Amino acid sequence: MELLKERIRKDGIIKPGNVLKVDSFLNHQMDIDLFEEIGKEFKRLFSDCPINKILTIEASGIGIACIVARHFHVPVVFAKKTQSKNIEGEVYSTKVQSFTHKKTYDVMVAKKFLNPEDNVLIIDDFLANGCALLGLSQLVFDSGATLCGAGICVEKGFQVGGELIRSAGVRVESLAIIESMDAEKGTIVFREDEK
């Protein structure tokens, strides 16, 4: 998606350790006009799927997932990283390690929000090592729902996550796949064969 790549080139900041900060438009301050275009693109890419639920993980994916869900006219469920009094009844739970925060979280979704009749599209802002996506996929599988695929805004193609998830048989559609980043030069190279 050329619009997203242009924005990453313009406003993305490369930090040491393969960290790409896109917090001025994607995952802290959110550019809703850009999100609208992202939502349209995911709707186009997954138009062949009978999606009736969007799944993401708190917190960065929620805003994007909500706009995507508008295009599918379906609800969003987000996996919570902490147990709270708001989660009633039984839950599906798995462990997810965060690349950015270097922490492992117990993520959960109330069982009443995922069931075998659901056709789920996972939406997230980043795919790096694949831990969040594997965890969310596991929640879908545990529920008996059908995983239609995953829509990712930014994939770090030079890390293992994309290959790992695709080799597990999950359809992944990434809008911007980064082949390399150089913090010293401030350069980003995108994969040319992306959608």
C-alpha atoms as a PDB file:
ATOM      1  CA  MET A   1       0.000   0.000   0.000  1.00  0.00           C
ATOM      2  CA  GLU A   2       1.871   2.990  -1.311  1.00  0.00           C
ATOM      3  CA  LEU A   3       0.140   5.517   0.966  1.00  0.00           C
ATOM      4  CA  LEU A   4       1.316   3.688   4.091  1.00  0.00           C
ATOM      5  CA  LYS A   5       4.847   3.230   2.751  1.00  0.00           C
ATOM      6  CA  GLU A   6       5.079   6.942   1.949  1.00  0.00           C
ATOM      7  CA  ARG A   7       3.972   7.814   5.464  1.00  0.00           C
ATOM      8  CA  ILE A   8       6.512   5.431   6.999  1.00  0.00           C
ATOM      9  CA  ARG A   9       9.272   6.996   4.874  1.00  0.00           C
ATOM     10  CA  LYS A  10       8.174  10.499   5.862  1.00  0.00           C
ATOM     11  CA  ASP A  11       7.386  10.093   9.574  1.00  0.00           C
ATOM     12  CA  GLY A  12       8.811   6.731  10.678  1.00  0.00           C
ATOM     13  CA  ILE A  13      11.830   6.860  12.972  1.00  0.00           C
ATOM     14  CA  ILE A  14      14.321   3.984  13.025  1.00  0.00           C
ATOM     15  CA  LYS A  15      15.795   3.205  16.427  1.00  0.00           C
ATOM     16  CA  PRO A  16      18.657   0.843  17.261  1.00  0.00           C
ATOM     17  CA  GLY A  17      17.618  -2.784  17.735  1.00  0.00           C
ATOM     18  CA  ASN A  18      15.356  -2.926  14.658  1.00  0.00           C
ATOM     19  CA  VAL A  19      12.687  -0.730  16.244  1.00  0.00           C
ATOM     20  CA  LEU A  20      10.560   1.379  13.917  1.00  0.00           C
ATOM     21  CA  LYS A  21       8.627   4.160  15.633  1.00  0.00           C
ATOM     22  CA  VAL A  22       5.423   5.043  13.840  1.00  0.00           C
ATOM     23  CA  ASP A  23       3.766   6.529  16.884  1.00  0.00           C
ATOM     24  CA  SER A  24       3.021   9.877  15.232  1.00  0.00           C
ATOM     25  CA  PHE A  25       0.434   8.291  12.911  1.00  0.00           C
ATOM     26  CA  LEU A  26      -0.178   4.574  13.583  1.00  0.00           C
ATOM     27  CA  ASN A  27       0.076   3.396  17.164  1.00  0.00           C
ATOM     28  CA  HIS A  28       0.003   6.312  19.591  1.00  0.00           C
ATOM     29  CA  GLN A  29      -1.331   9.329  17.733  1.00  0.00           C
ATOM     30  CA  MET A  30      -3.606   7.894  15.075  1.00  0.00           C
ATOM     31  CA  ASP A  31      -4.216   9.292  11.585  1.00  0.00           C
ATOM     32  CA  ILE A  32      -7.836   8.311  11.034  1.00  0.00           C
ATOM     33  CA  ASP A  33      -7.814   9.267   7.339  1.00  0.00           C
ATOM     34  CA  LEU A  34      -4.920   6.840   6.865  1.00  0.00           C
ATOM     35  CA  PHE A  35      -6.772   4.217   8.937  1.00  0.00           C
ATOM     36  CA  GLU A  36      -9.780   4.649   6.647  1.00  0.00           C
ATOM     37  CA  GLU A  37      -7.618   3.775   3.626  1.00  0.00           C
ATOM     38  CA  ILE A  38      -6.122   0.832   5.538  1.00  0.00           C
ATOM     39  CA  GLY A  39      -9.649  -0.377   6.313  1.00  0.00           C
ATOM     40  CA  LYS A  40     -10.645  -0.172   2.646  1.00  0.00           C
ATOM     41  CA  GLU A  41      -7.542  -2.110   1.616  1.00  0.00           C
ATOM     42  CA  PHE A  42      -8.102  -4.927   4.113  1.00  0.00           C
ATOM     43  CA  LYS A  43     -11.739  -5.139   3.003  1.00  0.00           C
ATOM     44  CA  ARG A  44     -10.540  -5.478  -0.599  1.00  0.00           C
ATOM     45  CA  LEU A  45      -7.892  -8.073   0.270  1.00  0.00           C
ATOM     46  CA  PHE A  46     -10.260 -10.243   2.338  1.00  0.00           C
ATOM     47  CA  SER A  47     -13.443  -9.683   0.314  1.00  0.00           C
ATOM     48  CA  ASP A  48     -13.470 -13.405  -0.522  1.00  0.00           C
ATOM     49  CA  CYS A  49     -13.920 -14.354   3.169  1.00  0.00           C
ATOM     50  CA  PRO A  50     -17.201 -14.484   5.149  1.00  0.00           C
ATOM     51  CA  ILE A  51     -15.682 -12.521   8.056  1.00  0.00           C
ATOM     52  CA  ASN A  52     -18.046 -11.852  10.945  1.00  0.00           C
ATOM     53  CA  LYS A  53     -15.527 -10.884  13.642  1.00  0.00           C
ATOM     54  CA  ILE A  54     -12.276  -8.922  13.886  1.00  0.00           C
ATOM     55  CA  LEU A  55      -9.745  -9.938  16.555  1.00  0.00           C
ATOM     56  CA  THR A  56      -6.789  -7.884  17.769  1.00  0.00           C
ATOM     57  CA  ILE A  57      -4.668  -7.476  20.871  1.00  0.00           C
ATOM     58  CA  GLU A  58      -4.510  -4.471  23.158  1.00  0.00           C
ATOM     59  CA  ALA A  59      -3.528  -1.803  22.771  1.00  0.00           C
ATOM     60  CA  SER A  60      -1.997  -0.665  19.469  1.00  0.00           C
ATOM     61  CA  GLY A  61      -4.184  -2.785  17.218  1.00  0.00           C
ATOM     62  CA  ILE A  62      -7.516  -1.610  18.596  1.00  0.00           C
ATOM     63  CA  GLY A  63      -7.857   1.650  16.668  1.00  0.00           C
ATOM     64  CA  ILE A  64      -6.940   0.045  13.356  1.00  0.00           C
ATOM     65  CA  ALA A  65      -9.200  -2.952  14.011  1.00  0.00           C
ATOM     66  CA  CYS A  66     -12.169  -0.668  14.707  1.00  0.00           C
ATOM     67  CA  ILE A  67     -11.831   1.110  11.362  1.00  0.00           C
ATOM     68  CA  VAL A  68     -11.349  -2.198   9.528  1.00  0.00           C
ATOM     69  CA  ALA A  69     -14.431  -3.594  11.268  1.00  0.00           C
ATOM     70  CA  ARG A  70     -16.490  -0.657   9.988  1.00  0.00           C
ATOM     71  CA  HIS A  71     -15.762  -1.788   6.450  1.00  0.00           C
ATOM     72  CA  PHE A  72     -16.851  -5.358   7.227  1.00  0.00           C
ATOM     73  CA  HIS A  73     -19.790  -4.232   9.428  1.00  0.00           C
ATOM     74  CA  VAL A  74     -18.734  -6.634  12.178  1.00  0.00           C
ATOM     75  CA  PRO A  75     -17.696  -6.345  15.839  1.00  0.00           C
ATOM     76  CA  VAL A  76     -14.147  -6.139  17.166  1.00  0.00           C
ATOM     77  CA  VAL A  77     -12.890  -8.345  19.982  1.00  0.00           C
ATOM     78  CA  PHE A  78      -9.574  -7.501  21.561  1.00  0.00           C
ATOM     79  CA  ALA A  79      -7.459  -9.870  23.620  1.00  0.00           C
ATOM     80  CA  LYS A  80      -6.695  -8.357  26.999  1.00  0.00           C
ATOM     81  CA  LYS A  81      -3.234  -8.510  28.520  1.00  0.00           C
ATOM     82  CA  THR A  82      -4.429  -8.367  32.113  1.00  0.00           C
ATOM     83  CA  GLN A  83      -7.194 -10.089  34.023  1.00  0.00           C
ATOM     84  CA  SER A  84      -9.823  -7.598  35.131  1.00  0.00           C
ATOM     85  CA  LYS A  85     -13.180  -7.633  36.869  1.00  0.00           C
ATOM     86  CA  ASN A  86     -14.751  -6.793  33.507  1.00  0.00           C
ATOM     87  CA  ILE A  87     -14.002 -10.257  32.134  1.00  0.00           C
ATOM     88  CA  GLU A  88     -16.802 -12.509  33.282  1.00  0.00           C
ATOM     89  CA  GLY A  89     -16.908 -16.277  33.007  1.00  0.00           C
ATOM     90  CA  GLU A  90     -14.489 -18.548  31.234  1.00  0.00           C
ATOM     91  CA  VAL A  91     -11.740 -17.306  28.944  1.00  0.00           C
ATOM     92  CA  TYR A  92      -9.470 -18.546  26.211  1.00  0.00           C
ATOM     93  CA  SER A  93      -5.918 -17.738  27.269  1.00  0.00           C
ATOM     94  CA  THR A  94      -2.401 -17.993  25.884  1.00  0.00           C
ATOM     95  CA  LYS A  95       1.018 -16.451  26.442  1.00  0.00           C
ATOM     96  CA  VAL A  96       2.410 -13.792  24.101  1.00  0.00           C
ATOM     97  CA  GLN A  97       5.904 -12.326  24.169  1.00  0.00           C
ATOM     98  CA  SER A  98       6.153  -8.682  23.105  1.00  0.00           C
ATOM     99  CA  PHE A  99       9.085  -7.777  20.823  1.00  0.00           C
ATOM    100  CA  THR A 100       8.801  -4.100  21.715  1.00  0.00           C
ATOM    101  CA  HIS A 101       8.320  -4.404  25.467  1.00  0.00           C
ATOM    102  CA  LYS A 102      10.446  -7.538  26.033  1.00  0.00           C
ATOM    103  CA  LYS A 103       7.692  -8.949  28.282  1.00  0.00           C
ATOM    104  CA  THR A 104       5.498 -12.025  28.221  1.00  0.00           C
ATOM    105  CA  TYR A 105       1.773 -11.465  28.701  1.00  0.00           C
ATOM    106  CA  ASP A 106      -1.090 -13.812  29.486  1.00  0.00           C
ATOM    107  CA  VAL A 107      -3.632 -12.684  26.899  1.00  0.00           C
ATOM    108  CA  MET A 108      -7.267 -13.647  27.116  1.00  0.00           C
ATOM    109  CA  VAL A 109     -10.627 -13.383  25.421  1.00  0.00           C
ATOM    110  CA  ALA A 110     -13.931 -14.209  27.104  1.00  0.00           C
ATOM    111  CA  LYS A 111     -15.300 -17.424  25.625  1.00  0.00           C
ATOM    112  CA  LYS A 112     -18.655 -15.782  24.953  1.00  0.00           C
ATOM    113  CA  PHE A 113     -17.031 -13.569  22.274  1.00  0.00           C
ATOM    114  CA  LEU A 114     -15.393 -16.319  20.165  1.00  0.00           C
ATOM    115  CA  ASN A 115     -17.269 -19.428  19.096  1.00  0.00           C
ATOM    116  CA  PRO A 116     -17.207 -22.127  16.412  1.00  0.00           C
ATOM    117  CA  GLU A 117     -19.593 -20.196  14.141  1.00  0.00           C
ATOM    118  CA  ASP A 118     -17.185 -17.250  13.847  1.00  0.00           C
ATOM    119  CA  ASN A 119     -15.043 -16.447  10.806  1.00  0.00           C
ATOM    120  CA  VAL A 120     -12.253 -14.342  12.242  1.00  0.00           C
ATOM    121  CA  LEU A 121      -9.862 -11.835  10.710  1.00  0.00           C
ATOM    122  CA  ILE A 122      -6.935 -10.863  12.935  1.00  0.00           C
ATOM    123  CA  ILE A 123      -5.752  -7.259  12.578  1.00  0.00           C
ATOM    124  CA  ASP A 124      -2.543  -5.859  14.047  1.00  0.00           C
ATOM    125  CA  ASP A 125      -0.195  -2.950  13.505  1.00  0.00           C
ATOM    126  CA  PHE A 126       3.107  -4.898  13.351  1.00  0.00           C
ATOM    127  CA  LEU A 127       4.435  -8.344  12.551  1.00  0.00           C
ATOM    128  CA  ALA A 128       8.033  -8.886  13.690  1.00  0.00           C
ATOM    129  CA  ASN A 129       8.753 -12.203  15.413  1.00  0.00           C
ATOM    130  CA  GLY A 130       5.159 -13.397  15.123  1.00  0.00           C
ATOM    131  CA  CYS A 131       4.486 -13.985  18.815  1.00  0.00           C
ATOM    132  CA  ALA A 132       1.323 -11.863  19.038  1.00  0.00           C
ATOM    133  CA  LEU A 133      -0.074 -13.320  15.828  1.00  0.00           C
ATOM    134  CA  LEU A 134       0.662 -16.887  16.933  1.00  0.00           C
ATOM    135  CA  GLY A 135      -1.025 -16.195  20.263  1.00  0.00           C
ATOM    136  CA  LEU A 136      -4.120 -14.666  18.655  1.00  0.00           C
ATOM    137  CA  SER A 137      -4.275 -17.568  16.190  1.00  0.00           C
ATOM    138  CA  GLN A 138      -4.180 -19.993  19.102  1.00  0.00           C
ATOM    139  CA  LEU A 139      -7.148 -18.231  20.733  1.00  0.00           C
ATOM    140  CA  VAL A 140      -9.118 -18.606  17.483  1.00  0.00           C
ATOM    141  CA  PHE A 141      -8.202 -22.289  17.166  1.00  0.00           C
ATOM    142  CA  ASP A 142      -9.066 -22.946  20.826  1.00  0.00           C
ATOM    143  CA  SER A 143     -12.517 -21.440  20.276  1.00  0.00           C
ATOM    144  CA  GLY A 144     -13.221 -23.663  17.284  1.00  0.00           C
ATOM    145  CA  ALA A 145     -13.723 -20.597  15.080  1.00  0.00           C
ATOM    146  CA  THR A 146     -12.356 -20.352  11.527  1.00  0.00           C
ATOM    147  CA  LEU A 147      -9.281 -18.182  11.072  1.00  0.00           C
ATOM    148  CA  CYS A 148      -9.694 -16.435   7.709  1.00  0.00           C
ATOM    149  CA  GLY A 149      -6.314 -14.725   7.942  1.00  0.00           C
ATOM    150  CA  ALA A 150      -4.376 -11.832   9.373  1.00  0.00           C
ATOM    151  CA  GLY A 151      -4.171  -8.255   8.152  1.00  0.00           C
ATOM    152  CA  ILE A 152      -0.932  -6.563   9.174  1.00  0.00           C
ATOM    153  CA  CYS A 153      -0.101  -2.910   8.605  1.00  0.00           C
ATOM    154  CA  VAL A 154       3.698  -3.188   8.817  1.00  0.00           C
ATOM    155  CA  GLU A 155       5.657  -6.439   8.521  1.00  0.00           C
ATOM    156  CA  LYS A 156       9.363  -6.617   9.210  1.00  0.00           C
ATOM    157  CA  GLY A 157      10.239  -9.031   6.424  1.00  0.00           C
ATOM    158  CA  PHE A 158      13.787  -9.425   7.728  1.00  0.00           C
ATOM    159  CA  GLN A 159      12.507 -10.988  10.969  1.00  0.00           C
ATOM    160  CA  VAL A 160      11.097 -14.504  11.304  1.00  0.00           C
ATOM    161  CA  GLY A 161       7.439 -13.757  12.054  1.00  0.00           C
ATOM    162  CA  GLY A 162       6.000 -13.624   8.547  1.00  0.00           C
ATOM    163  CA  GLU A 163       7.655 -16.842   7.441  1.00  0.00           C
ATOM    164  CA  LEU A 164       6.722 -18.577  10.705  1.00  0.00           C
ATOM    165  CA  ILE A 165       3.042 -17.625  10.461  1.00  0.00           C
ATOM    166  CA  ARG A 166       2.721 -18.397   6.759  1.00  0.00           C
ATOM    167  CA  SER A 167       4.420 -21.783   7.219  1.00  0.00           C
ATOM    168  CA  ALA A 168       1.787 -22.545   9.880  1.00  0.00           C
ATOM    169  CA  GLY A 169      -0.815 -22.177   7.117  1.00  0.00           C
ATOM    170  CA  VAL A 170      -2.187 -18.767   8.109  1.00  0.00           C
ATOM    171  CA  ARG A 171      -2.988 -16.351   5.289  1.00  0.00           C
ATOM    172  CA  VAL A 172      -1.133 -13.094   5.994  1.00  0.00           C
ATOM    173  CA  GLU A 173      -1.741  -9.893   4.040  1.00  0.00           C
ATOM    174  CA  SER A 174       0.731  -7.145   4.959  1.00  0.00           C
ATOM    175  CA  LEU A 175       0.306  -3.632   3.595  1.00  0.00           C
ATOM    176  CA  ALA A 176       3.979  -2.647   3.924  1.00  0.00           C
ATOM    177  CA  ILE A 177       6.753  -5.241   4.143  1.00  0.00           C
ATOM    178  CA  ILE A 178      10.118  -3.861   5.195  1.00  0.00           C
ATOM    179  CA  GLU A 179      13.128  -5.774   3.880  1.00  0.00           C
ATOM    180  CA  SER A 180      15.734  -3.730   5.746  1.00  0.00           C
ATOM    181  CA  MET A 181      16.180  -0.702   7.979  1.00  0.00           C
ATOM    182  CA  ASP A 182      19.332   1.231   8.782  1.00  0.00           C
ATOM    183  CA  ALA A 183      19.192   3.364  11.929  1.00  0.00           C
ATOM    184  CA  GLU A 184      22.446   5.191  11.118  1.00  0.00           C
ATOM    185  CA  LYS A 185      21.420   6.174   7.596  1.00  0.00           C
ATOM    186  CA  GLY A 186      17.719   6.455   8.404  1.00  0.00           C
ATOM    187  CA  THR A 187      16.814   4.319   5.377  1.00  0.00           C
ATOM    188  CA  ILE A 188      14.020   1.814   4.906  1.00  0.00           C
ATOM    189  CA  VAL A 189      13.798  -0.635   1.994  1.00  0.00           C
ATOM    190  CA  PHE A 190      10.360  -2.124   1.208  1.00  0.00           C
ATOM    191  CA  ARG A 191       9.644  -5.404  -0.525  1.00  0.00           C
ATOM    192  CA  GLU A 192       8.577  -4.632  -4.074  1.00  0.00           C
ATOM    193  CA  ASP A 193       6.192  -7.559  -4.486  1.00  0.00           C
ATOM    194  CA  GLU A 194       3.770  -6.450  -1.758  1.00  0.00           C
ATOM    195  CA  LYS A 195       0.101  -5.876  -2.485  1.00  0.00           C
END
